[in-house]
Every structure is written in C-alpha cells, then in structure tokens.
Amino acid sequence: MPATKEVYKCLNPVGIQKPVETYPLAPRLDTVDGKTININITGEPDITIALEKRLKSDYPDVNWTTKKTYGIDPVRLSEEEMKTTNGLIMGVCW
C-alpha cells in the first residue's frame, strides 16, 4: 500500500482558555515537614484512598489527620482544628 501525502486538520476540542487570576487564601507553607495537614474526604472513597496512602508514604514527617464523610455535606473542621491545622486537602468525589 503506497504512503499518501494527505494532510488532515482538526480542531482542538479543548478550545481557547482565557487566563484566570488566582488569589491565595493563605500564605504558602515554606515546608511541610512537622506541619499538621488535614485530609477531608467527602463523597465516594474512590481515588482518595490511594491519594491518602501515597501522601502519607511520600511525606512521612507530616502530621496527617483525616476526616471522611460519605454523605453530601463535607466534614467541617472544629474551631480547635482550625487553630492547629497548617494545611487542608479537600477531596470531593461522586
């Protein structure tokens, strides 16, 4: 079968994304070693199980705390947890 020199063109389905300005809610941590980071999981426990396991193995010097709810409403941090938590990872999966 001979090679053809036809050229096909297609449109990128992603389209053109406009730049978005982001504003941090808190200053970035200089290091995570010795910090307390809360993992808050809402919804079905799909990839979040593997994520939690991987984070704990990759960052053993972090004090990890985990809250899980498999309903609609996310688990909220208490006033004391807000004072002692340095970072929060919130995962919502359905």
Protein backbone atom coordinates (compact mmCIF):
# COMPACT_ATOMS: atom_id res chain seq x y z
CA MET A 1 0.00 0.00 0.00
CA PRO A 2 1.60 3.30 -1.05
CA ALA A 3 2.06 6.07 1.52
CA THR A 4 -0.23 9.03 0.96
CA LYS A 5 0.75 12.64 1.40
CA GLU A 6 -2.65 13.77 2.54
CA VAL A 7 -2.73 16.20 5.45
CA TYR A 8 -5.64 16.15 7.85
CA LYS A 9 -6.51 19.12 10.04
CA CYS A 10 -8.72 19.06 13.09
CA LEU A 11 -9.80 21.48 15.79
CA ASN A 12 -8.56 21.10 19.33
CA PRO A 13 -11.61 20.12 21.44
CA VAL A 14 -10.21 21.98 24.46
CA GLY A 15 -10.68 25.31 22.78
CA ILE A 16 -9.07 28.52 23.94
CA GLN A 17 -8.94 29.11 27.66
CA LYS A 18 -8.83 32.64 28.98
CA PRO A 19 -6.24 33.42 31.67
CA VAL A 20 -7.59 33.48 35.21
CA GLU A 21 -6.18 35.45 38.13
CA THR A 22 -5.83 33.48 41.35
CA TYR A 23 -5.68 34.86 44.87
CA PRO A 24 -4.24 32.75 47.71
CA LEU A 25 -6.36 32.36 50.81
CA ALA A 26 -3.29 31.91 52.99
CA PRO A 27 0.46 32.21 52.56
CA ARG A 28 2.20 29.17 51.06
CA LEU A 29 3.98 26.93 53.59
CA ASP A 30 7.78 27.13 53.44
CA THR A 31 7.98 23.40 54.25
CA VAL A 32 5.51 20.66 55.12
CA ASP A 33 7.87 18.81 57.48
CA GLY A 34 6.46 18.88 61.00
CA LYS A 35 3.23 20.58 59.87
CA THR A 36 -0.29 19.28 60.51
CA ILE A 37 -2.28 18.76 57.32
CA ASN A 38 -5.88 17.59 57.31
CA ILE A 39 -7.28 15.44 54.51
CA ASN A 40 -11.04 15.99 54.27
CA ILE A 41 -12.82 13.48 52.01
CA THR A 42 -16.46 13.89 51.02
CA GLY A 43 -18.40 11.53 48.78
CA GLU A 44 -17.37 8.15 47.44
CA PRO A 45 -13.95 6.86 48.55
CA ASP A 46 -12.51 6.18 45.10
CA ILE A 47 -9.12 7.72 44.29
CA THR A 48 -8.92 9.39 47.69
CA ILE A 49 -7.91 6.10 49.35
CA ALA A 50 -4.86 5.81 47.10
CA LEU A 51 -4.16 9.56 47.42
CA GLU A 52 -4.15 9.39 51.21
CA LYS A 53 -1.86 6.35 51.21
CA ARG A 54 0.55 7.96 48.73
CA LEU A 55 0.73 11.29 50.57
CA LYS A 56 1.45 9.56 53.88
CA SER A 57 4.23 7.46 52.33
CA ASP A 58 5.79 10.36 50.37
CA TYR A 59 5.67 12.81 53.30
CA PRO A 60 6.29 10.79 56.49
CA ASP A 61 7.35 13.86 58.52
CA VAL A 62 3.91 15.45 58.17
CA ASN A 63 1.32 15.02 60.93
CA TRP A 64 -1.64 13.81 58.85
CA THR A 65 -5.21 13.92 60.16
CA THR A 66 -8.13 12.58 58.14
CA LYS A 67 -11.86 13.23 58.23
CA LYS A 68 -14.22 11.30 55.99
CA THR A 69 -17.91 11.53 55.27
CA TYR A 70 -19.70 9.56 52.64
CA GLY A 71 -22.74 11.78 52.52
CA ILE A 72 -23.47 15.08 50.83
CA ASP A 73 -22.16 17.57 53.40
CA PRO A 74 -18.40 17.93 53.93
CA VAL A 75 -16.93 17.38 57.36
CA ARG A 76 -16.10 20.75 58.80
CA LEU A 77 -13.08 21.49 60.93
CA SER A 78 -13.77 22.44 64.53
CA GLU A 79 -12.53 25.76 65.92
CA GLU A 80 -9.64 23.96 67.65
CA GLU A 81 -8.67 22.13 64.44
CA MET A 82 -8.66 25.41 62.52
CA LYS A 83 -6.17 26.82 65.02
CA THR A 84 -3.83 23.80 64.91
CA THR A 85 -4.06 22.76 61.23
CA ASN A 86 -1.44 24.21 58.89
CA GLY A 87 -2.96 22.93 55.63
CA LEU A 88 -6.09 21.29 54.24
CA ILE A 89 -6.63 18.96 51.30
CA MET A 90 -10.29 18.61 50.47
CA GLY A 91 -11.44 15.95 48.03
CA VAL A 92 -14.99 15.71 46.76
CA CYS A 93 -15.76 12.59 44.71
CA TRP A 94 -19.06 11.29 43.36
